[in-house]
Amino acid sequence: MKAYSYLKLDKVEEAKKESAHIHNQDLDQKIVAYEKAKKEVEETKKQVEEENKKDQKDEKKLKSLADQQKKQEEIMKNI
């Protein structure tokens, strides 16, 4: 439970240490999934920032990216 708590607090390194200590394969998979989801959220945020820097903003693209980011963040929360 301690390792899952670390993951929920975005303390991935601590979660990895706990997982290595208890040798829990399910937890290892959750950590990998969390890291993947976090990376996707960061990439989406970069895309939103780049789109916002443009003189002619594509509002449909911005809305799509915002929706995508919300879904990704929800996935992170549910891990």
PDB file of N, CA and C in Angstrom:
ATOM      1  N   MET A   1       0.828  -1.200   0.000  1.00  0.00           N
ATOM      2  CA  MET A   1       0.000   0.000   0.000  1.00  0.00           C
ATOM      3  C   MET A   1       0.867   1.257   0.000  1.00  0.00           C
ATOM      4  N   LYS A   2       1.994   1.172   0.662  1.00  0.00           N
ATOM      5  CA  LYS A   2       2.886   2.316   0.730  1.00  0.00           C
ATOM      6  C   LYS A   2       3.361   2.713  -0.666  1.00  0.00           C
ATOM      7  N   ALA A   3       3.698   1.715  -1.474  1.00  0.00           N
ATOM      8  CA  ALA A   3       4.177   1.986  -2.828  1.00  0.00           C
ATOM      9  C   ALA A   3       3.071   2.610  -3.679  1.00  0.00           C
ATOM     10  N   TYR A   4       1.842   2.131  -3.535  1.00  0.00           N
ATOM     11  CA  TYR A   4       0.723   2.710  -4.275  1.00  0.00           C
ATOM     12  C   TYR A   4       0.509   4.171  -3.860  1.00  0.00           C
ATOM     13  N   SER A   5       0.694   4.446  -2.581  1.00  0.00           N
ATOM     14  CA  SER A   5       0.553   5.813  -2.090  1.00  0.00           C
ATOM     15  C   SER A   5       1.601   6.720  -2.706  1.00  0.00           C
ATOM     16  N   TYR A   6       2.823   6.220  -2.783  1.00  0.00           N
ATOM     17  CA  TYR A   6       3.882   7.004  -3.432  1.00  0.00           C
ATOM     18  C   TYR A   6       3.506   7.319  -4.870  1.00  0.00           C
ATOM     19  N   LEU A   7       2.953   6.354  -5.551  1.00  0.00           N
ATOM     20  CA  LEU A   7       2.570   6.543  -6.945  1.00  0.00           C
ATOM     21  C   LEU A   7       1.480   7.612  -7.059  1.00  0.00           C
ATOM     22  N   LYS A   8       0.512   7.567  -6.168  1.00  0.00           N
ATOM     23  CA  LYS A   8      -0.567   8.559  -6.187  1.00  0.00           C
ATOM     24  C   LYS A   8      -0.045   9.966  -5.898  1.00  0.00           C
ATOM     25  N   LEU A   9       1.056  10.038  -5.166  1.00  0.00           N
ATOM     26  CA  LEU A   9       1.655  11.334  -4.835  1.00  0.00           C
ATOM     27  C   LEU A   9       2.694  11.764  -5.865  1.00  0.00           C
ATOM     28  N   ASP A  10       2.799  11.019  -6.970  1.00  0.00           N
ATOM     29  CA  ASP A  10       3.741  11.295  -8.055  1.00  0.00           C
ATOM     30  C   ASP A  10       5.199  11.152  -7.584  1.00  0.00           C
ATOM     31  N   LYS A  11       5.427  10.257  -6.645  1.00  0.00           N
ATOM     32  CA  LYS A  11       6.776   9.959  -6.155  1.00  0.00           C
ATOM     33  C   LYS A  11       7.177   8.599  -6.719  1.00  0.00           C
ATOM     34  N   VAL A  12       7.483   8.619  -8.024  1.00  0.00           N
ATOM     35  CA  VAL A  12       7.723   7.391  -8.776  1.00  0.00           C
ATOM     36  C   VAL A  12       8.961   6.650  -8.274  1.00  0.00           C
ATOM     37  N   GLU A  13      10.018   7.366  -7.991  1.00  0.00           N
ATOM     38  CA  GLU A  13      11.251   6.709  -7.534  1.00  0.00           C
ATOM     39  C   GLU A  13      11.031   5.952  -6.228  1.00  0.00           C
ATOM     40  N   GLU A  14      10.297   6.563  -5.304  1.00  0.00           N
ATOM     41  CA  GLU A  14      10.004   5.894  -4.043  1.00  0.00           C
ATOM     42  C   GLU A  14       9.138   4.654  -4.280  1.00  0.00           C
ATOM     43  N   ALA A  15       8.187   4.769  -5.191  1.00  0.00           N
ATOM     44  CA  ALA A  15       7.329   3.627  -5.520  1.00  0.00           C
ATOM     45  C   ALA A  15       8.158   2.496  -6.121  1.00  0.00           C
ATOM     46  N   LYS A  16       9.115   2.839  -6.964  1.00  0.00           N
ATOM     47  CA  LYS A  16       9.993   1.829  -7.565  1.00  0.00           C
ATOM     48  C   LYS A  16      10.818   1.112  -6.493  1.00  0.00           C
ATOM     49  N   LYS A  17      11.326   1.862  -5.520  1.00  0.00           N
ATOM     50  CA  LYS A  17      12.111   1.255  -4.434  1.00  0.00           C
ATOM     51  C   LYS A  17      11.257   0.282  -3.632  1.00  0.00           C
ATOM     52  N   GLU A  18      10.034   0.687  -3.324  1.00  0.00           N
ATOM     53  CA  GLU A  18       9.133  -0.192  -2.576  1.00  0.00           C
ATOM     54  C   GLU A  18       8.795  -1.433  -3.396  1.00  0.00           C
ATOM     55  N   SER A  19       8.563  -1.249  -4.666  1.00  0.00           N
ATOM     56  CA  SER A  19       8.226  -2.367  -5.537  1.00  0.00           C
ATOM     57  C   SER A  19       9.387  -3.356  -5.620  1.00  0.00           C
ATOM     58  N   ALA A  20      10.584  -2.841  -5.717  1.00  0.00           N
ATOM     59  CA  ALA A  20      11.759  -3.710  -5.774  1.00  0.00           C
ATOM     60  C   ALA A  20      11.908  -4.490  -4.467  1.00  0.00           C
ATOM     61  N   HIS A  21      11.546  -3.846  -3.384  1.00  0.00           N
ATOM     62  CA  HIS A  21      11.653  -4.482  -2.071  1.00  0.00           C
ATOM     63  C   HIS A  21      10.635  -5.609  -1.897  1.00  0.00           C
ATOM     64  N   ILE A  22       9.418  -5.406  -2.393  1.00  0.00           N
ATOM     65  CA  ILE A  22       8.370  -6.407  -2.175  1.00  0.00           C
ATOM     66  C   ILE A  22       8.164  -7.332  -3.374  1.00  0.00           C
ATOM     67  N   HIS A  23       8.827  -7.046  -4.484  1.00  0.00           N
ATOM     68  CA  HIS A  23       8.761  -7.887  -5.688  1.00  0.00           C
ATOM     69  C   HIS A  23       7.324  -8.141  -6.135  1.00  0.00           C
ATOM     70  N   ASN A  24       6.603  -7.041  -6.384  1.00  0.00           N
ATOM     71  CA  ASN A  24       5.211  -7.130  -6.789  1.00  0.00           C
ATOM     72  C   ASN A  24       5.084  -6.793  -8.274  1.00  0.00           C
ATOM     73  N   GLN A  25       4.775  -7.780  -9.094  1.00  0.00           N
ATOM     74  CA  GLN A  25       4.702  -7.589 -10.535  1.00  0.00           C
ATOM     75  C   GLN A  25       3.549  -6.655 -10.931  1.00  0.00           C
ATOM     76  N   ASP A  26       2.429  -6.755 -10.252  1.00  0.00           N
ATOM     77  CA  ASP A  26       1.297  -5.877 -10.542  1.00  0.00           C
ATOM     78  C   ASP A  26       1.675  -4.417 -10.298  1.00  0.00           C
ATOM     79  N   LEU A  27       2.374  -4.178  -9.225  1.00  0.00           N
ATOM     80  CA  LEU A  27       2.817  -2.820  -8.914  1.00  0.00           C
ATOM     81  C   LEU A  27       3.812  -2.337  -9.969  1.00  0.00           C
ATOM     82  N   ASP A  28       4.705  -3.203 -10.395  1.00  0.00           N
ATOM     83  CA  ASP A  28       5.665  -2.839 -11.440  1.00  0.00           C
ATOM     84  C   ASP A  28       4.931  -2.400 -12.704  1.00  0.00           C
ATOM     85  N   GLN A  29       3.887  -3.122 -13.068  1.00  0.00           N
ATOM     86  CA  GLN A  29       3.107  -2.781 -14.256  1.00  0.00           C
ATOM     87  C   GLN A  29       2.401  -1.441 -14.089  1.00  0.00           C
ATOM     88  N   LYS A  30       1.901  -1.188 -12.897  1.00  0.00           N
ATOM     89  CA  LYS A  30       1.232   0.084 -12.636  1.00  0.00           C
ATOM     90  C   LYS A  30       2.224   1.243 -12.712  1.00  0.00           C
ATOM     91  N   ILE A  31       3.423   1.032 -12.231  1.00  0.00           N
ATOM     92  CA  ILE A  31       4.445   2.073 -12.293  1.00  0.00           C
ATOM     93  C   ILE A  31       4.780   2.391 -13.748  1.00  0.00           C
ATOM     94  N   VAL A  32       4.951   1.365 -14.553  1.00  0.00           N
ATOM     95  CA  VAL A  32       5.242   1.565 -15.976  1.00  0.00           C
ATOM     96  C   VAL A  32       4.093   2.310 -16.657  1.00  0.00           C
ATOM     97  N   ALA A  33       2.868   1.901 -16.372  1.00  0.00           N
ATOM     98  CA  ALA A  33       1.699   2.553 -16.961  1.00  0.00           C
ATOM     99  C   ALA A  33       1.608   4.013 -16.516  1.00  0.00           C
ATOM    100  N   TYR A  34       1.915   4.264 -15.251  1.00  0.00           N
ATOM    101  CA  TYR A  34       1.874   5.627 -14.719  1.00  0.00           C
ATOM    102  C   TYR A  34       2.911   6.499 -15.415  1.00  0.00           C
ATOM    103  N   GLU A  35       4.121   5.968 -15.570  1.00  0.00           N
ATOM    104  CA  GLU A  35       5.176   6.737 -16.227  1.00  0.00           C
ATOM    105  C   GLU A  35       4.812   7.042 -17.685  1.00  0.00           C
ATOM    106  N   LYS A  36       4.220   6.076 -18.353  1.00  0.00           N
ATOM    107  CA  LYS A  36       3.800   6.268 -19.741  1.00  0.00           C
ATOM    108  C   LYS A  36       2.718   7.351 -19.819  1.00  0.00           C
ATOM    109  N   ALA A  37       1.735   7.268 -18.936  1.00  0.00           N
ATOM    110  CA  ALA A  37       0.650   8.249 -18.918  1.00  0.00           C
ATOM    111  C   ALA A  37       1.182   9.643 -18.604  1.00  0.00           C
ATOM    112  N   LYS A  38       2.113   9.722 -17.678  1.00  0.00           N
ATOM    113  CA  LYS A  38       2.694  11.014 -17.307  1.00  0.00           C
ATOM    114  C   LYS A  38       3.440  11.628 -18.489  1.00  0.00           C
ATOM    115  N   LYS A  39       4.164  10.790 -19.212  1.00  0.00           N
ATOM    116  CA  LYS A  39       4.899  11.274 -20.385  1.00  0.00           C
ATOM    117  C   LYS A  39       3.928  11.786 -21.443  1.00  0.00           C
ATOM    118  N   GLU A  40       2.825  11.083 -21.648  1.00  0.00           N
ATOM    119  CA  GLU A  40       1.820  11.506 -22.623  1.00  0.00           C
ATOM    120  C   GLU A  40       1.193  12.840 -22.229  1.00  0.00           C
ATOM    121  N   VAL A  41       0.932  13.024 -20.944  1.00  0.00           N
ATOM    122  CA  VAL A  41       0.372  14.289 -20.470  1.00  0.00           C
ATOM    123  C   VAL A  41       1.352  15.426 -20.743  1.00  0.00           C
ATOM    124  N   GLU A  42       2.625  15.195 -20.462  1.00  0.00           N
ATOM    125  CA  GLU A  42       3.634  16.230 -20.682  1.00  0.00           C
ATOM    126  C   GLU A  42       3.753  16.578 -22.163  1.00  0.00           C
ATOM    127  N   GLU A  43       3.681  15.573 -23.044  1.00  0.00           N
ATOM    128  CA  GLU A  43       3.746  15.822 -24.481  1.00  0.00           C
ATOM    129  C   GLU A  43       2.527  16.624 -24.951  1.00  0.00           C
ATOM    130  N   THR A  44       1.372  16.306 -24.418  1.00  0.00           N
ATOM    131  CA  THR A  44       0.161  17.037 -24.784  1.00  0.00           C
ATOM    132  C   THR A  44       0.249  18.483 -24.311  1.00  0.00           C
ATOM    133  N   LYS A  45       0.778  18.694 -23.117  1.00  0.00           N
ATOM    134  CA  LYS A  45       0.944  20.062 -22.607  1.00  0.00           C
ATOM    135  C   LYS A  45       1.862  20.863 -23.522  1.00  0.00           C
ATOM    136  N   LYS A  46       2.929  20.230 -24.006  1.00  0.00           N
ATOM    137  CA  LYS A  46       3.842  20.909 -24.925  1.00  0.00           C
ATOM    138  C   LYS A  46       3.133  21.297 -26.215  1.00  0.00           C
ATOM    139  N   GLN A  47       2.291  20.385 -26.717  1.00  0.00           N
ATOM    140  CA  GLN A  47       1.546  20.678 -27.940  1.00  0.00           C
ATOM    141  C   GLN A  47       0.599  21.862 -27.728  1.00  0.00           C
ATOM    142  N   VAL A  48      -0.033  21.912 -26.571  1.00  0.00           N
ATOM    143  CA  VAL A  48      -0.944  23.019 -26.253  1.00  0.00           C
ATOM    144  C   VAL A  48      -0.160  24.321 -26.193  1.00  0.00           C
ATOM    145  N   GLU A  49       1.003  24.300 -25.532  1.00  0.00           N
ATOM    146  CA  GLU A  49       1.831  25.504 -25.447  1.00  0.00           C
ATOM    147  C   GLU A  49       2.263  25.984 -26.831  1.00  0.00           C
ATOM    148  N   GLU A  50       2.673  25.049 -27.684  1.00  0.00           N
ATOM    149  CA  GLU A  50       3.095  25.408 -29.035  1.00  0.00           C
ATOM    150  C   GLU A  50       1.940  26.002 -29.832  1.00  0.00           C
ATOM    151  N   GLU A  51       0.765  25.423 -29.686  1.00  0.00           N
ATOM    152  CA  GLU A  51      -0.409  25.934 -30.405  1.00  0.00           C
ATOM    153  C   GLU A  51      -0.783  27.321 -29.894  1.00  0.00           C
ATOM    154  N   ASN A  52      -0.630  27.553 -28.596  1.00  0.00           N
ATOM    155  CA  ASN A  52      -0.956  28.863 -28.021  1.00  0.00           C
ATOM    156  C   ASN A  52       0.023  29.942 -28.466  1.00  0.00           C
ATOM    157  N   LYS A  53       1.230  29.556 -28.835  1.00  0.00           N
ATOM    158  CA  LYS A  53       2.230  30.525 -29.280  1.00  0.00           C
ATOM    159  C   LYS A  53       1.980  31.014 -30.705  1.00  0.00           C
ATOM    160  N   LYS A  54       1.217  30.264 -31.463  1.00  0.00           N
ATOM    161  CA  LYS A  54       0.950  30.631 -32.853  1.00  0.00           C
ATOM    162  C   LYS A  54       0.067  31.878 -32.919  1.00  0.00           C
ATOM    163  N   ASP A  55       0.290  32.664 -33.976  1.00  0.00           N
ATOM    164  CA  ASP A  55      -0.535  33.848 -34.185  1.00  0.00           C
ATOM    165  C   ASP A  55      -1.977  33.469 -34.511  1.00  0.00           C
ATOM    166  N   GLN A  56      -2.136  32.468 -35.368  1.00  0.00           N
ATOM    167  CA  GLN A  56      -3.471  31.998 -35.724  1.00  0.00           C
ATOM    168  C   GLN A  56      -3.712  30.659 -35.034  1.00  0.00           C
ATOM    169  N   LYS A  57      -4.380  30.737 -33.913  1.00  0.00           N
ATOM    170  CA  LYS A  57      -4.621  29.538 -33.118  1.00  0.00           C
ATOM    171  C   LYS A  57      -5.768  28.726 -33.709  1.00  0.00           C
ATOM    172  N   ASP A  58      -5.588  27.437 -33.709  1.00  0.00           N
ATOM    173  CA  ASP A  58      -6.631  26.514 -34.171  1.00  0.00           C
ATOM    174  C   ASP A  58      -7.429  26.095 -32.937  1.00  0.00           C
ATOM    175  N   GLU A  59      -8.584  26.729 -32.762  1.00  0.00           N
ATOM    176  CA  GLU A  59      -9.385  26.492 -31.554  1.00  0.00           C
ATOM    177  C   GLU A  59      -9.859  25.044 -31.453  1.00  0.00           C
ATOM    178  N   LYS A  60     -10.171  24.428 -32.600  1.00  0.00           N
ATOM    179  CA  LYS A  60     -10.600  23.027 -32.574  1.00  0.00           C
ATOM    180  C   LYS A  60      -9.471  22.132 -32.092  1.00  0.00           C
ATOM    181  N   LYS A  61      -8.271  22.432 -32.557  1.00  0.00           N
ATOM    182  CA  LYS A  61      -7.114  21.636 -32.137  1.00  0.00           C
ATOM    183  C   LYS A  61      -6.843  21.842 -30.654  1.00  0.00           C
ATOM    184  N   LEU A  62      -6.948  23.079 -30.183  1.00  0.00           N
ATOM    185  CA  LEU A  62      -6.744  23.362 -28.763  1.00  0.00           C
ATOM    186  C   LEU A  62      -7.756  22.626 -27.898  1.00  0.00           C
ATOM    187  N   LYS A  63      -9.019  22.635 -28.341  1.00  0.00           N
ATOM    188  CA  LYS A  63     -10.055  21.932 -27.577  1.00  0.00           C
ATOM    189  C   LYS A  63      -9.783  20.435 -27.574  1.00  0.00           C
ATOM    190  N   SER A  64      -9.388  19.907 -28.713  1.00  0.00           N
ATOM    191  CA  SER A  64      -9.079  18.484 -28.823  1.00  0.00           C
ATOM    192  C   SER A  64      -7.916  18.111 -27.905  1.00  0.00           C
ATOM    193  N   LEU A  65      -6.889  18.950 -27.901  1.00  0.00           N
ATOM    194  CA  LEU A  65      -5.735  18.688 -27.041  1.00  0.00           C
ATOM    195  C   LEU A  65      -6.115  18.780 -25.564  1.00  0.00           C
ATOM    196  N   ALA A  66      -6.950  19.735 -25.221  1.00  0.00           N
ATOM    197  CA  ALA A  66      -7.393  19.886 -23.833  1.00  0.00           C
ATOM    198  C   ALA A  66      -8.189  18.664 -23.393  1.00  0.00           C
ATOM    199  N   ASP A  67      -9.069  18.185 -24.271  1.00  0.00           N
ATOM    200  CA  ASP A  67      -9.843  16.980 -23.962  1.00  0.00           C
ATOM    201  C   ASP A  67      -8.925  15.773 -23.802  1.00  0.00           C
ATOM    202  N   GLN A  68      -7.956  15.682 -24.698  1.00  0.00           N
ATOM    203  CA  GLN A  68      -6.991  14.577 -24.641  1.00  0.00           C
ATOM    204  C   GLN A  68      -6.208  14.620 -23.334  1.00  0.00           C
ATOM    205  N   GLN A  69      -5.799  15.809 -22.937  1.00  0.00           N
ATOM    206  CA  GLN A  69      -5.042  15.962 -21.695  1.00  0.00           C
ATOM    207  C   GLN A  69      -5.881  15.555 -20.487  1.00  0.00           C
ATOM    208  N   LYS A  70      -7.146  15.931 -20.475  1.00  0.00           N
ATOM    209  CA  LYS A  70      -8.030  15.559 -19.362  1.00  0.00           C
ATOM    210  C   LYS A  70      -8.170  14.043 -19.265  1.00  0.00           C
ATOM    211  N   LYS A  71      -8.319  13.387 -20.411  1.00  0.00           N
ATOM    212  CA  LYS A  71      -8.436  11.928 -20.423  1.00  0.00           C
ATOM    213  C   LYS A  71      -7.159  11.280 -19.906  1.00  0.00           C
ATOM    214  N   GLN A  72      -6.019  11.813 -20.330  1.00  0.00           N
ATOM    215  CA  GLN A  72      -4.738  11.263 -19.889  1.00  0.00           C
ATOM    216  C   GLN A  72      -4.550  11.445 -18.383  1.00  0.00           C
ATOM    217  N   GLU A  73      -4.926  12.605 -17.884  1.00  0.00           N
ATOM    218  CA  GLU A  73      -4.806  12.850 -16.446  1.00  0.00           C
ATOM    219  C   GLU A  73      -5.739  11.936 -15.661  1.00  0.00           C
ATOM    220  N   GLU A  74      -6.912  11.670 -16.206  1.00  0.00           N
ATOM    221  CA  GLU A  74      -7.848  10.756 -15.559  1.00  0.00           C
ATOM    222  C   GLU A  74      -7.278   9.347 -15.495  1.00  0.00           C
ATOM    223  N   ILE A  75      -6.628   8.940 -16.578  1.00  0.00           N
ATOM    224  CA  ILE A  75      -5.973   7.623 -16.599  1.00  0.00           C
ATOM    225  C   ILE A  75      -4.915   7.550 -15.508  1.00  0.00           C
ATOM    226  N   MET A  76      -4.127   8.622 -15.363  1.00  0.00           N
ATOM    227  CA  MET A  76      -3.095   8.650 -14.314  1.00  0.00           C
ATOM    228  C   MET A  76      -3.725   8.494 -12.923  1.00  0.00           C
ATOM    229  N   LYS A  77      -4.823   9.174 -12.708  1.00  0.00           N
ATOM    230  CA  LYS A  77      -5.489   9.115 -11.406  1.00  0.00           C
ATOM    231  C   LYS A  77      -6.014   7.718 -11.102  1.00  0.00           C
ATOM    232  N   ASN A  78      -6.415   7.014 -12.144  1.00  0.00           N
ATOM    233  CA  ASN A  78      -7.030   5.692 -11.966  1.00  0.00           C
ATOM    234  C   ASN A  78      -6.025   4.555 -11.907  1.00  0.00           C
ATOM    235  N   ILE A  79      -4.773   4.853 -12.039  1.00  0.00           N
ATOM    236  CA  ILE A  79      -3.776   3.785 -11.985  1.00  0.00           C
ATOM    237  C   ILE A  79      -3.584   3.342 -10.547  1.00  0.00           C
TER     238      ILE A  79
END
